[in-house]
Amino acid sequence: VHLVYNKVVSALAFESAIQSVFGEEALKNAPNFKTYEMEDDATKDLSEFALANAIYAVLVEGHAAEINSRRNAMDNASKNAGDMINSLTMKYNRGRQAAITNELVDIITGAS
């Protein structure tokens, strides 16, 4: 059985990976596995346990990759919103300053 999942590489990146899980027959035919005396149902239980552990590990790793991606997206959105706020504040202040300057010019011109 092969499980495909997103593996976290760093805080900014992840990549697709494949994890292989050995079945009951593969465990029975493994060279070092034959040194232990086991019943057939123990091998079946062991293969099921290995599959469950592999699925859980893949789910945890995929969830970590998703959370990392969401965190990065929110960080980028926050930075972009901050830049937009700064830009709009600058435009507002320039417009306000231009209006005040025009009123002062009108007052000075009218007073002369």
PDB file of N, CA and C in Angstrom:
ATOM      1  N   VAL A   1       0.856  -1.166   0.000  1.00  0.00           N
ATOM      2  CA  VAL A   1       0.000   0.000   0.000  1.00  0.00           C
ATOM      3  C   VAL A   1       0.903   1.231   0.000  1.00  0.00           C
ATOM      4  N   HIS A   2       0.574   2.200  -0.835  1.00  0.00           N
ATOM      5  CA  HIS A   2       1.324   3.453  -0.908  1.00  0.00           C
ATOM      6  C   HIS A   2       0.395   4.596  -0.512  1.00  0.00           C
ATOM      7  N   LEU A   3       0.875   5.449   0.372  1.00  0.00           N
ATOM      8  CA  LEU A   3       0.126   6.611   0.816  1.00  0.00           C
ATOM      9  C   LEU A   3       0.811   7.865   0.296  1.00  0.00           C
ATOM     10  N   VAL A   4       0.068   8.728  -0.385  1.00  0.00           N
ATOM     11  CA  VAL A   4       0.599   9.980  -0.917  1.00  0.00           C
ATOM     12  C   VAL A   4       0.103  11.107  -0.014  1.00  0.00           C
ATOM     13  N   TYR A   5       1.023  11.979   0.389  1.00  0.00           N
ATOM     14  CA  TYR A   5       0.674  13.047   1.319  1.00  0.00           C
ATOM     15  C   TYR A   5       1.588  14.238   1.113  1.00  0.00           C
ATOM     16  N   ASN A   6       1.248  15.361   1.760  1.00  0.00           N
ATOM     17  CA  ASN A   6       2.082  16.566   1.726  1.00  0.00           C
ATOM     18  C   ASN A   6       3.040  16.528   2.903  1.00  0.00           C
ATOM     19  N   LYS A   7       4.326  16.553   2.611  1.00  0.00           N
ATOM     20  CA  LYS A   7       5.358  16.503   3.634  1.00  0.00           C
ATOM     21  C   LYS A   7       5.907  17.907   3.859  1.00  0.00           C
ATOM     22  N   VAL A   8       5.998  18.320   5.106  1.00  0.00           N
ATOM     23  CA  VAL A   8       6.521  19.646   5.439  1.00  0.00           C
ATOM     24  C   VAL A   8       8.034  19.640   5.248  1.00  0.00           C
ATOM     25  N   VAL A   9       8.522  20.547   4.397  1.00  0.00           N
ATOM     26  CA  VAL A   9       9.956  20.675   4.149  1.00  0.00           C
ATOM     27  C   VAL A   9      10.537  21.758   5.044  1.00  0.00           C
ATOM     28  N   SER A  10       9.868  22.906   5.076  1.00  0.00           N
ATOM     29  CA  SER A  10      10.284  24.015   5.920  1.00  0.00           C
ATOM     30  C   SER A  10       9.029  24.796   6.290  1.00  0.00           C
ATOM     31  N   ALA A  11       9.227  25.913   6.971  1.00  0.00           N
ATOM     32  CA  ALA A  11       8.080  26.715   7.372  1.00  0.00           C
ATOM     33  C   ALA A  11       7.377  27.339   6.166  1.00  0.00           C
ATOM     34  N   LEU A  12       8.078  27.419   5.052  1.00  0.00           N
ATOM     35  CA  LEU A  12       7.510  28.067   3.869  1.00  0.00           C
ATOM     36  C   LEU A  12       7.152  27.103   2.746  1.00  0.00           C
ATOM     37  N   ALA A  13       7.535  25.840   2.853  1.00  0.00           N
ATOM     38  CA  ALA A  13       7.341  24.937   1.726  1.00  0.00           C
ATOM     39  C   ALA A  13       6.973  23.535   2.198  1.00  0.00           C
ATOM     40  N   PHE A  14       6.294  22.831   1.308  1.00  0.00           N
ATOM     41  CA  PHE A  14       6.012  21.420   1.510  1.00  0.00           C
ATOM     42  C   PHE A  14       6.062  20.742   0.159  1.00  0.00           C
ATOM     43  N   GLU A  15       6.205  19.435   0.170  1.00  0.00           N
ATOM     44  CA  GLU A  15       6.285  18.685  -1.086  1.00  0.00           C
ATOM     45  C   GLU A  15       5.475  17.407  -0.960  1.00  0.00           C
ATOM     46  N   SER A  16       5.082  16.863  -2.083  1.00  0.00           N
ATOM     47  CA  SER A  16       4.357  15.600  -2.084  1.00  0.00           C
ATOM     48  C   SER A  16       5.328  14.457  -1.837  1.00  0.00           C
ATOM     49  N   ALA A  17       4.891  13.503  -1.050  1.00  0.00           N
ATOM     50  CA  ALA A  17       5.746  12.363  -0.718  1.00  0.00           C
ATOM     51  C   ALA A  17       4.891  11.090  -0.724  1.00  0.00           C
ATOM     52  N   ILE A  18       5.562   9.968  -0.837  1.00  0.00           N
ATOM     53  CA  ILE A  18       4.890   8.665  -0.842  1.00  0.00           C
ATOM     54  C   ILE A  18       5.474   7.830   0.288  1.00  0.00           C
ATOM     55  N   GLN A  19       4.585   7.245   1.087  1.00  0.00           N
ATOM     56  CA  GLN A  19       5.022   6.355   2.158  1.00  0.00           C
ATOM     57  C   GLN A  19       4.476   4.964   1.867  1.00  0.00           C
ATOM     58  N   SER A  20       5.354   4.003   1.891  1.00  0.00           N
ATOM     59  CA  SER A  20       4.956   2.623   1.630  1.00  0.00           C
ATOM     60  C   SER A  20       4.661   1.917   2.945  1.00  0.00           C
ATOM     61  N   VAL A  21       3.603   1.122   2.933  1.00  0.00           N
ATOM     62  CA  VAL A  21       3.231   0.326   4.098  1.00  0.00           C
ATOM     63  C   VAL A  21       3.219  -1.134   3.654  1.00  0.00           C
ATOM     64  N   PHE A  22       3.930  -1.969   4.396  1.00  0.00           N
ATOM     65  CA  PHE A  22       4.027  -3.377   4.033  1.00  0.00           C
ATOM     66  C   PHE A  22       2.801  -4.135   4.516  1.00  0.00           C
ATOM     67  N   GLY A  23       2.316  -5.026   3.677  1.00  0.00           N
ATOM     68  CA  GLY A  23       1.174  -5.854   4.021  1.00  0.00           C
ATOM     69  C   GLY A  23       1.604  -7.095   4.788  1.00  0.00           C
ATOM     70  N   GLU A  24       0.643  -7.958   5.035  1.00  0.00           N
ATOM     71  CA  GLU A  24       0.900  -9.161   5.823  1.00  0.00           C
ATOM     72  C   GLU A  24       1.892 -10.092   5.137  1.00  0.00           C
ATOM     73  N   GLU A  25       1.740 -10.276   3.833  1.00  0.00           N
ATOM     74  CA  GLU A  25       2.646 -11.173   3.097  1.00  0.00           C
ATOM     75  C   GLU A  25       4.065 -10.615   3.046  1.00  0.00           C
ATOM     76  N   ALA A  26       4.190  -9.317   2.892  1.00  0.00           N
ATOM     77  CA  ALA A  26       5.522  -8.704   2.854  1.00  0.00           C
ATOM     78  C   ALA A  26       6.222  -8.864   4.199  1.00  0.00           C
ATOM     79  N   LEU A  27       5.466  -8.754   5.282  1.00  0.00           N
ATOM     80  CA  LEU A  27       6.067  -8.949   6.607  1.00  0.00           C
ATOM     81  C   LEU A  27       6.521 -10.397   6.802  1.00  0.00           C
ATOM     82  N   LYS A  28       5.695 -11.322   6.352  1.00  0.00           N
ATOM     83  CA  LYS A  28       6.048 -12.736   6.512  1.00  0.00           C
ATOM     84  C   LYS A  28       7.304 -13.096   5.716  1.00  0.00           C
ATOM     85  N   ASN A  29       7.482 -12.475   4.581  1.00  0.00           N
ATOM     86  CA  ASN A  29       8.620 -12.783   3.702  1.00  0.00           C
ATOM     87  C   ASN A  29       9.864 -11.946   3.998  1.00  0.00           C
ATOM     88  N   ALA A  30       9.786 -11.045   4.955  1.00  0.00           N
ATOM     89  CA  ALA A  30      10.947 -10.224   5.295  1.00  0.00           C
ATOM     90  C   ALA A  30      12.031 -11.115   5.904  1.00  0.00           C
ATOM     91  N   PRO A  31      13.303 -10.871   5.575  1.00  0.00           N
ATOM     92  CA  PRO A  31      14.369 -11.771   6.037  1.00  0.00           C
ATOM     93  C   PRO A  31      14.548 -11.800   7.556  1.00  0.00           C
ATOM     94  N   ASN A  32      14.505 -10.691   8.208  1.00  0.00           N
ATOM     95  CA  ASN A  32      14.722 -10.646   9.655  1.00  0.00           C
ATOM     96  C   ASN A  32      13.471 -10.987  10.449  1.00  0.00           C
ATOM     97  N   PHE A  33      12.338 -10.956   9.805  1.00  0.00           N
ATOM     98  CA  PHE A  33      11.079 -11.229  10.496  1.00  0.00           C
ATOM     99  C   PHE A  33      10.937 -12.712  10.834  1.00  0.00           C
ATOM    100  N   LYS A  34      11.572 -13.559  10.063  1.00  0.00           N
ATOM    101  CA  LYS A  34      11.441 -15.009  10.268  1.00  0.00           C
ATOM    102  C   LYS A  34      12.213 -15.501  11.493  1.00  0.00           C
ATOM    103  N   THR A  35      13.070 -14.683  12.053  1.00  0.00           N
ATOM    104  CA  THR A  35      13.818 -15.114  13.238  1.00  0.00           C
ATOM    105  C   THR A  35      12.923 -15.208  14.467  1.00  0.00           C
ATOM    106  N   TYR A  36      11.777 -14.544  14.417  1.00  0.00           N
ATOM    107  CA  TYR A  36      10.841 -14.589  15.536  1.00  0.00           C
ATOM    108  C   TYR A  36       9.730 -15.589  15.228  1.00  0.00           C
ATOM    109  N   GLU A  37       9.323 -16.316  16.237  1.00  0.00           N
ATOM    110  CA  GLU A  37       8.219 -17.253  16.068  1.00  0.00           C
ATOM    111  C   GLU A  37       6.931 -16.519  16.398  1.00  0.00           C
ATOM    112  N   MET A  38       6.036 -16.465  15.413  1.00  0.00           N
ATOM    113  CA  MET A  38       4.773 -15.759  15.609  1.00  0.00           C
ATOM    114  C   MET A  38       3.652 -16.562  14.981  1.00  0.00           C
ATOM    115  N   GLU A  39       2.476 -16.310  15.500  1.00  0.00           N
ATOM    116  CA  GLU A  39       1.281 -16.923  14.929  1.00  0.00           C
ATOM    117  C   GLU A  39       0.831 -16.087  13.737  1.00  0.00           C
ATOM    118  N   ASP A  40      -0.013 -16.687  12.908  1.00  0.00           N
ATOM    119  CA  ASP A  40      -0.483 -15.982  11.711  1.00  0.00           C
ATOM    120  C   ASP A  40      -1.337 -14.767  12.064  1.00  0.00           C
ATOM    121  N   ASP A  41      -2.172 -14.886  13.083  1.00  0.00           N
ATOM    122  CA  ASP A  41      -3.028 -13.750  13.433  1.00  0.00           C
ATOM    123  C   ASP A  41      -2.212 -12.586  14.008  1.00  0.00           C
ATOM    124  N   ALA A  42      -1.068 -12.866  14.622  1.00  0.00           N
ATOM    125  CA  ALA A  42      -0.209 -11.786  15.121  1.00  0.00           C
ATOM    126  C   ALA A  42       0.378 -10.995  13.958  1.00  0.00           C
ATOM    127  N   THR A  43       0.728 -11.687  12.884  1.00  0.00           N
ATOM    128  CA  THR A  43       1.244 -10.995  11.703  1.00  0.00           C
ATOM    129  C   THR A  43       0.168 -10.113  11.083  1.00  0.00           C
ATOM    130  N   LYS A  44      -1.053 -10.637  11.050  1.00  0.00           N
ATOM    131  CA  LYS A  44      -2.166  -9.847  10.507  1.00  0.00           C
ATOM    132  C   LYS A  44      -2.404  -8.615  11.379  1.00  0.00           C
ATOM    133  N   ASP A  45      -2.398  -8.804  12.701  1.00  0.00           N
ATOM    134  CA  ASP A  45      -2.595  -7.666  13.610  1.00  0.00           C
ATOM    135  C   ASP A  45      -1.473  -6.642  13.468  1.00  0.00           C
ATOM    136  N   LEU A  46      -0.261  -7.136  13.309  1.00  0.00           N
ATOM    137  CA  LEU A  46       0.883  -6.240  13.148  1.00  0.00           C
ATOM    138  C   LEU A  46       0.776  -5.419  11.860  1.00  0.00           C
ATOM    139  N   SER A  47       0.349  -6.052  10.787  1.00  0.00           N
ATOM    140  CA  SER A  47       0.208  -5.322   9.520  1.00  0.00           C
ATOM    141  C   SER A  47      -0.916  -4.296   9.603  1.00  0.00           C
ATOM    142  N   GLU A  48      -2.005  -4.635  10.285  1.00  0.00           N
ATOM    143  CA  GLU A  48      -3.102  -3.676  10.460  1.00  0.00           C
ATOM    144  C   GLU A  48      -2.660  -2.499  11.321  1.00  0.00           C
ATOM    145  N   PHE A  49      -1.884  -2.807  12.373  1.00  0.00           N
ATOM    146  CA  PHE A  49      -1.383  -1.755  13.251  1.00  0.00           C
ATOM    147  C   PHE A  49      -0.410  -0.843  12.498  1.00  0.00           C
ATOM    148  N   ALA A  50       0.438  -1.424  11.682  1.00  0.00           N
ATOM    149  CA  ALA A  50       1.382  -0.630  10.894  1.00  0.00           C
ATOM    150  C   ALA A  50       0.641   0.271   9.911  1.00  0.00           C
ATOM    151  N   LEU A  51      -0.415  -0.248   9.295  1.00  0.00           N
ATOM    152  CA  LEU A  51      -1.214   0.547   8.355  1.00  0.00           C
ATOM    153  C   LEU A  51      -1.903   1.697   9.087  1.00  0.00           C
ATOM    154  N   ALA A  52      -2.481   1.408  10.252  1.00  0.00           N
ATOM    155  CA  ALA A  52      -3.157   2.458  11.026  1.00  0.00           C
ATOM    156  C   ALA A  52      -2.167   3.534  11.454  1.00  0.00           C
ATOM    157  N   ASN A  53      -0.982   3.132  11.896  1.00  0.00           N
ATOM    158  CA  ASN A  53       0.042   4.113  12.282  1.00  0.00           C
ATOM    159  C   ASN A  53       0.486   4.959  11.102  1.00  0.00           C
ATOM    160  N   ALA A  54       0.656   4.330   9.957  1.00  0.00           N
ATOM    161  CA  ALA A  54       1.086   5.065   8.761  1.00  0.00           C
ATOM    162  C   ALA A  54       0.010   6.064   8.331  1.00  0.00           C
ATOM    163  N   ILE A  55      -1.242   5.653   8.374  1.00  0.00           N
ATOM    164  CA  ILE A  55      -2.335   6.561   8.001  1.00  0.00           C
ATOM    165  C   ILE A  55      -2.384   7.741   8.959  1.00  0.00           C
ATOM    166  N   TYR A  56      -2.240   7.459  10.244  1.00  0.00           N
ATOM    167  CA  TYR A  56      -2.255   8.543  11.231  1.00  0.00           C
ATOM    168  C   TYR A  56      -1.087   9.501  11.003  1.00  0.00           C
ATOM    169  N   ALA A  57       0.100   8.969  10.778  1.00  0.00           N
ATOM    170  CA  ALA A  57       1.280   9.817  10.550  1.00  0.00           C
ATOM    171  C   ALA A  57       1.096  10.685   9.308  1.00  0.00           C
ATOM    172  N   VAL A  58       0.528  10.116   8.262  1.00  0.00           N
ATOM    173  CA  VAL A  58       0.291  10.860   7.020  1.00  0.00           C
ATOM    174  C   VAL A  58      -0.741  11.959   7.255  1.00  0.00           C
ATOM    175  N   LEU A  59      -1.790  11.654   8.011  1.00  0.00           N
ATOM    176  CA  LEU A  59      -2.806  12.667   8.300  1.00  0.00           C
ATOM    177  C   LEU A  59      -2.228  13.813   9.125  1.00  0.00           C
ATOM    178  N   VAL A  60      -1.408  13.500  10.104  1.00  0.00           N
ATOM    179  CA  VAL A  60      -0.798  14.539  10.940  1.00  0.00           C
ATOM    180  C   VAL A  60       0.136  15.415  10.104  1.00  0.00           C
ATOM    181  N   GLU A  61       0.943  14.782   9.267  1.00  0.00           N
ATOM    182  CA  GLU A  61       1.875  15.538   8.420  1.00  0.00           C
ATOM    183  C   GLU A  61       1.117  16.419   7.426  1.00  0.00           C
ATOM    184  N   GLY A  62       0.045  15.900   6.830  1.00  0.00           N
ATOM    185  CA  GLY A  62      -0.763  16.686   5.911  1.00  0.00           C
ATOM    186  C   GLY A  62      -1.443  17.854   6.602  1.00  0.00           C
ATOM    187  N   HIS A  63      -1.912  17.617   7.815  1.00  0.00           N
ATOM    188  CA  HIS A  63      -2.541  18.693   8.578  1.00  0.00           C
ATOM    189  C   HIS A  63      -1.525  19.784   8.918  1.00  0.00           C
ATOM    190  N   ALA A  64      -0.323  19.385   9.284  1.00  0.00           N
ATOM    191  CA  ALA A  64       0.729  20.364   9.574  1.00  0.00           C
ATOM    192  C   ALA A  64       1.048  21.196   8.336  1.00  0.00           C
ATOM    193  N   ALA A  65       1.094  20.561   7.170  1.00  0.00           N
ATOM    194  CA  ALA A  65       1.355  21.296   5.924  1.00  0.00           C
ATOM    195  C   ALA A  65       0.226  22.281   5.627  1.00  0.00           C
ATOM    196  N   GLU A  66      -1.005  21.860   5.878  1.00  0.00           N
ATOM    197  CA  GLU A  66      -2.150  22.743   5.632  1.00  0.00           C
ATOM    198  C   GLU A  66      -2.125  23.944   6.578  1.00  0.00           C
ATOM    199  N   ILE A  67      -1.870  23.698   7.842  1.00  0.00           N
ATOM    200  CA  ILE A  67      -1.828  24.791   8.818  1.00  0.00           C
ATOM    201  C   ILE A  67      -0.700  25.754   8.471  1.00  0.00           C
ATOM    202  N   ASN A  68       0.444  25.218   8.052  1.00  0.00           N
ATOM    203  CA  ASN A  68       1.574  26.057   7.638  1.00  0.00           C
ATOM    204  C   ASN A  68       1.183  26.937   6.454  1.00  0.00           C
ATOM    205  N   SER A  69       0.500  26.357   5.481  1.00  0.00           N
ATOM    206  CA  SER A  69       0.079  27.121   4.306  1.00  0.00           C
ATOM    207  C   SER A  69      -0.914  28.211   4.691  1.00  0.00           C
ATOM    208  N   ARG A  70      -1.841  27.878   5.564  1.00  0.00           N
ATOM    209  CA  ARG A  70      -2.820  28.880   6.009  1.00  0.00           C
ATOM    210  C   ARG A  70      -2.145  30.012   6.778  1.00  0.00           C
ATOM    211  N   ARG A  71      -1.184  29.665   7.627  1.00  0.00           N
ATOM    212  CA  ARG A  71      -0.477  30.684   8.387  1.00  0.00           C
ATOM    213  C   ARG A  71       0.277  31.622   7.454  1.00  0.00           C
ATOM    214  N   ASN A  72       0.938  31.058   6.450  1.00  0.00           N
ATOM    215  CA  ASN A  72       1.669  31.879   5.481  1.00  0.00           C
ATOM    216  C   ASN A  72       0.716  32.771   4.694  1.00  0.00           C
ATOM    217  N   ALA A  73      -0.430  32.232   4.301  1.00  0.00           N
ATOM    218  CA  ALA A  73      -1.404  33.029   3.554  1.00  0.00           C
ATOM    219  C   ALA A  73      -1.932  34.182   4.402  1.00  0.00           C
ATOM    220  N   MET A  74      -2.207  33.913   5.672  1.00  0.00           N
ATOM    221  CA  MET A  74      -2.698  34.978   6.552  1.00  0.00           C
ATOM    222  C   MET A  74      -1.610  36.019   6.814  1.00  0.00           C
ATOM    223  N   ASP A  75      -0.385  35.587   6.930  1.00  0.00           N
ATOM    224  CA  ASP A  75       0.728  36.511   7.125  1.00  0.00           C
ATOM    225  C   ASP A  75       0.866  37.429   5.917  1.00  0.00           C
ATOM    226  N   ASN A  76       0.791  36.855   4.712  1.00  0.00           N
ATOM    227  CA  ASN A  76       0.871  37.663   3.486  1.00  0.00           C
ATOM    228  C   ASN A  76      -0.309  38.617   3.373  1.00  0.00           C
ATOM    229  N   ALA A  77      -1.503  38.144   3.734  1.00  0.00           N
ATOM    230  CA  ALA A  77      -2.687  39.008   3.675  1.00  0.00           C
ATOM    231  C   ALA A  77      -2.558  40.162   4.665  1.00  0.00           C
ATOM    232  N   SER A  78      -2.039  39.890   5.846  1.00  0.00           N
ATOM    233  CA  SER A  78      -1.857  40.953   6.846  1.00  0.00           C
ATOM    234  C   SER A  78      -0.846  41.990   6.367  1.00  0.00           C
ATOM    235  N   LYS A  79       0.258  41.532   5.768  1.00  0.00           N
ATOM    236  CA  LYS A  79       1.255  42.466   5.240  1.00  0.00           C
ATOM    237  C   LYS A  79       0.662  43.312   4.119  1.00  0.00           C
ATOM    238  N   ASN A  80      -0.098  42.687   3.215  1.00  0.00           N
ATOM    239  CA  ASN A  80      -0.711  43.427   2.112  1.00  0.00           C
ATOM    240  C   ASN A  80      -1.737  44.430   2.630  1.00  0.00           C
ATOM    241  N   ALA A  81      -2.513  44.043   3.654  1.00  0.00           N
ATOM    242  CA  ALA A  81      -3.492  44.971   4.227  1.00  0.00           C
ATOM    243  C   ALA A  81      -2.780  46.153   4.889  1.00  0.00           C
ATOM    244  N   GLY A  82      -1.682  45.888   5.573  1.00  0.00           N
ATOM    245  CA  GLY A  82      -0.912  46.975   6.187  1.00  0.00           C
ATOM    246  C   GLY A  82      -0.365  47.937   5.149  1.00  0.00           C
ATOM    247  N   ASP A  83       0.147  47.404   4.049  1.00  0.00           N
ATOM    248  CA  ASP A  83       0.646  48.257   2.965  1.00  0.00           C
ATOM    249  C   ASP A  83      -0.485  49.095   2.365  1.00  0.00           C
ATOM    250  N   MET A  84      -1.652  48.473   2.190  1.00  0.00           N
ATOM    251  CA  MET A  84      -2.794  49.193   1.626  1.00  0.00           C
ATOM    252  C   MET A  84      -3.252  50.299   2.574  1.00  0.00           C
ATOM    253  N   ILE A  85      -3.284  50.028   3.858  1.00  0.00           N
ATOM    254  CA  ILE A  85      -3.678  51.040   4.848  1.00  0.00           C
ATOM    255  C   ILE A  85      -2.696  52.203   4.819  1.00  0.00           C
ATOM    256  N   ASN A  86      -1.407  51.904   4.768  1.00  0.00           N
ATOM    257  CA  ASN A  86      -0.408  52.980   4.710  1.00  0.00           C
ATOM    258  C   ASN A  86      -0.571  53.820   3.450  1.00  0.00           C
ATOM    259  N   SER A  87      -0.816  53.177   2.317  1.00  0.00           N
ATOM    260  CA  SER A  87      -0.986  53.897   1.058  1.00  0.00           C
ATOM    261  C   SER A  87      -2.231  54.791   1.098  1.00  0.00           C
ATOM    262  N   LEU A  88      -3.342  54.239   1.589  1.00  0.00           N
ATOM    263  CA  LEU A  88      -4.578  55.026   1.644  1.00  0.00           C
ATOM    264  C   LEU A  88      -4.484  56.161   2.666  1.00  0.00           C
ATOM    265  N   THR A  89      -3.777  55.928   3.772  1.00  0.00           N
ATOM    266  CA  THR A  89      -3.572  56.993   4.762  1.00  0.00           C
ATOM    267  C   THR A  89      -2.773  58.130   4.157  1.00  0.00           C
ATOM    268  N   MET A  90      -1.745  57.793   3.389  1.00  0.00           N
ATOM    269  CA  MET A  90      -0.924  58.810   2.735  1.00  0.00           C
ATOM    270  C   MET A  90      -1.766  59.615   1.738  1.00  0.00           C
ATOM    271  N   LYS A  91      -2.600  58.939   0.946  1.00  0.00           N
ATOM    272  CA  LYS A  91      -3.459  59.644  -0.018  1.00  0.00           C
ATOM    273  C   LYS A  91      -4.449  60.553   0.695  1.00  0.00           C
ATOM    274  N   TYR A  92      -5.032  60.043   1.784  1.00  0.00           N
ATOM    275  CA  TYR A  92      -5.989  60.847   2.540  1.00  0.00           C
ATOM    276  C   TYR A  92      -5.311  62.086   3.121  1.00  0.00           C
ATOM    277  N   ASN A  93      -4.138  61.903   3.699  1.00  0.00           N
ATOM    278  CA  ASN A  93      -3.430  63.035   4.306  1.00  0.00           C
ATOM    279  C   ASN A  93      -3.016  64.063   3.260  1.00  0.00           C
ATOM    280  N   ARG A  94      -2.587  63.610   2.086  1.00  0.00           N
ATOM    281  CA  ARG A  94      -2.235  64.549   1.012  1.00  0.00           C
ATOM    282  C   ARG A  94      -3.451  65.335   0.543  1.00  0.00           C
ATOM    283  N   GLY A  95      -4.576  64.659   0.407  1.00  0.00           N
ATOM    284  CA  GLY A  95      -5.807  65.348  -0.001  1.00  0.00           C
ATOM    285  C   GLY A  95      -6.263  66.355   1.042  1.00  0.00           C
ATOM    286  N   ARG A  96      -6.202  65.963   2.310  1.00  0.00           N
ATOM    287  CA  ARG A  96      -6.573  66.863   3.392  1.00  0.00           C
ATOM    288  C   ARG A  96      -5.648  68.070   3.433  1.00  0.00           C
ATOM    289  N   GLN A  97      -4.366  67.810   3.272  1.00  0.00           N
ATOM    290  CA  GLN A  97      -3.381  68.905   3.284  1.00  0.00           C
ATOM    291  C   GLN A  97      -3.610  69.850   2.098  1.00  0.00           C
ATOM    292  N   ALA A  98      -3.944  69.298   0.944  1.00  0.00           N
ATOM    293  CA  ALA A  98      -4.221  70.150  -0.228  1.00  0.00           C
ATOM    294  C   ALA A  98      -5.463  70.997   0.008  1.00  0.00           C
ATOM    295  N   ALA A  99      -6.499  70.430   0.644  1.00  0.00           N
ATOM    296  CA  ALA A  99      -7.713  71.194   0.918  1.00  0.00           C
ATOM    297  C   ALA A  99      -7.427  72.317   1.907  1.00  0.00           C
ATOM    298  N   ILE A 100      -6.650  72.040   2.944  1.00  0.00           N
ATOM    299  CA  ILE A 100      -6.300  73.081   3.930  1.00  0.00           C
ATOM    300  C   ILE A 100      -5.474  74.175   3.274  1.00  0.00           C
ATOM    301  N   THR A 101      -4.536  73.791   2.418  1.00  0.00           N
ATOM    302  CA  THR A 101      -3.703  74.772   1.715  1.00  0.00           C
ATOM    303  C   THR A 101      -4.572  75.659   0.821  1.00  0.00           C
ATOM    304  N   ASN A 102      -5.531  75.062   0.111  1.00  0.00           N
ATOM    305  CA  ASN A 102      -6.422  75.855  -0.750  1.00  0.00           C
ATOM    306  C   ASN A 102      -7.263  76.820   0.074  1.00  0.00           C
ATOM    307  N   GLU A 103      -7.761  76.370   1.248  1.00  0.00           N
ATOM    308  CA  GLU A 103      -8.542  77.267   2.095  1.00  0.00           C
ATOM    309  C   GLU A 103      -7.684  78.419   2.608  1.00  0.00           C
ATOM    310  N   LEU A 104      -6.438  78.114   2.986  1.00  0.00           N
ATOM    311  CA  LEU A 104      -5.543  79.181   3.442  1.00  0.00           C
ATOM    312  C   LEU A 104      -5.247  80.173   2.321  1.00  0.00           C
ATOM    313  N   VAL A 105      -5.044  79.678   1.101  1.00  0.00           N
ATOM    314  CA  VAL A 105      -4.805  80.567  -0.041  1.00  0.00           C
ATOM    315  C   VAL A 105      -6.027  81.428  -0.295  1.00  0.00           C
ATOM    316  N   ASP A 106      -7.228  80.861  -0.177  1.00  0.00           N
ATOM    317  CA  ASP A 106      -8.457  81.643  -0.375  1.00  0.00           C
ATOM    318  C   ASP A 106      -8.589  82.719   0.695  1.00  0.00           C
ATOM    319  N   ILE A 107      -8.271  82.343   1.948  1.00  0.00           N
ATOM    320  CA  ILE A 107      -8.389  83.312   3.041  1.00  0.00           C
ATOM    321  C   ILE A 107      -7.383  84.460   2.861  1.00  0.00           C
ATOM    322  N   ILE A 108      -6.146  84.099   2.530  1.00  0.00           N
ATOM    323  CA  ILE A 108      -5.101  85.115   2.336  1.00  0.00           C
ATOM    324  C   ILE A 108      -5.424  85.997   1.133  1.00  0.00           C
ATOM    325  N   THR A 109      -5.898  85.375   0.059  1.00  0.00           N
ATOM    326  CA  THR A 109      -6.236  86.139  -1.144  1.00  0.00           C
ATOM    327  C   THR A 109      -7.428  87.049  -0.880  1.00  0.00           C
ATOM    328  N   GLY A 110      -8.393  86.583  -0.130  1.00  0.00           N
ATOM    329  CA  GLY A 110      -9.582  87.397   0.182  1.00  0.00           C
ATOM    330  C   GLY A 110      -9.257  88.521   1.134  1.00  0.00           C
ATOM    331  N   ALA A 111      -8.288  88.346   1.999  1.00  0.00           N
ATOM    332  CA  ALA A 111      -7.910  89.365   2.990  1.00  0.00           C
ATOM    333  C   ALA A 111      -7.134  90.511   2.325  1.00  0.00           C
ATOM    334  N   SER A 112      -6.510  90.289   1.181  1.00  0.00           N
ATOM    335  CA  SER A 112      -5.693  91.321   0.541  1.00  0.00           C
ATOM    336  C   SER A 112      -6.511  92.350  -0.109  1.00  0.00           C
TER     337      SER A 112
END
